[in-house]
Amino acid sequence: MKNDWGEFQGRVYLALIKPGNLQVNLPERNVLLDKSKRSVEAVPDYNALVCLKKLD
């Protein structure tokens, strides 16, 4: 998975979540989040667009 802020490689497990969504656990997901988008309390904006590709 990749976006403008970083890249993450990991295993995919299928789960029942809303179509079009992807769940990534902490702290691995941090590379995909825009560091400039934080709340006053320093909480990241967890809305990120990523490109998901299958590796050979």
Protein backbone atom coordinates (compact mmCIF):
# COMPACT_ATOMS: atom_id res chain seq x y z
CA MET A 1 0.00 0.00 0.00
CA LYS A 2 1.33 3.38 -0.96
CA ASN A 3 0.42 7.05 -1.01
CA ASP A 4 2.12 10.46 -1.18
CA TRP A 5 3.48 10.14 2.38
CA GLY A 6 4.89 6.63 2.44
CA GLU A 7 4.68 2.96 1.66
CA PHE A 8 3.71 -0.06 3.77
CA GLN A 9 4.14 -3.73 2.90
CA GLY A 10 2.32 -6.36 4.93
CA ARG A 11 -0.08 -9.26 4.87
CA VAL A 12 -3.75 -8.88 4.01
CA TYR A 13 -6.49 -10.57 6.02
CA LEU A 14 -10.08 -10.32 4.85
CA ALA A 15 -12.61 -9.00 7.33
CA LEU A 16 -16.19 -7.77 7.28
CA ILE A 17 -15.80 -3.99 7.03
CA LYS A 18 -17.49 -1.44 4.82
CA PRO A 19 -16.46 -1.79 1.14
CA GLY A 20 -13.82 0.73 0.10
CA ASN A 21 -12.22 0.77 3.55
CA LEU A 22 -8.91 -0.63 4.71
CA GLN A 23 -7.80 -1.15 8.31
CA VAL A 24 -4.12 -0.96 9.21
CA ASN A 25 -2.89 -1.32 12.80
CA LEU A 26 -0.58 0.93 14.81
CA PRO A 27 2.24 1.87 14.48
CA GLU A 28 2.55 0.50 10.95
CA ARG A 29 -0.07 2.86 9.49
CA ASN A 30 1.78 5.98 10.60
CA VAL A 31 3.89 6.06 7.41
CA LEU A 32 0.65 6.58 5.43
CA LEU A 33 -0.60 9.61 7.39
CA ASP A 34 0.03 13.27 6.57
CA LYS A 35 2.10 14.58 9.48
CA SER A 36 0.88 18.15 8.85
CA LYS A 37 -2.77 17.22 9.52
CA ARG A 38 -3.08 16.97 13.31
CA SER A 39 -5.67 18.19 15.76
CA VAL A 40 -4.84 20.60 18.57
CA GLU A 41 -4.27 17.52 20.75
CA ALA A 42 -1.83 16.10 18.10
CA VAL A 43 -4.25 13.35 17.01
CA PRO A 44 -3.64 12.42 13.35
CA ASP A 45 -6.26 12.63 10.63
CA TYR A 46 -6.85 8.94 9.94
CA ASN A 47 -8.50 9.60 6.55
CA ALA A 48 -5.94 8.67 3.93
CA LEU A 49 -6.17 7.54 0.32
CA VAL A 50 -3.87 4.66 -0.59
CA CYS A 51 -3.15 2.51 -3.61
CA LEU A 52 -3.30 -1.20 -2.77
CA LYS A 53 -1.34 -3.55 -5.03
CA LYS A 54 -0.78 -7.29 -4.91
CA LEU A 55 2.90 -8.24 -4.82
CA ASP A 56 4.16 -11.33 -6.60
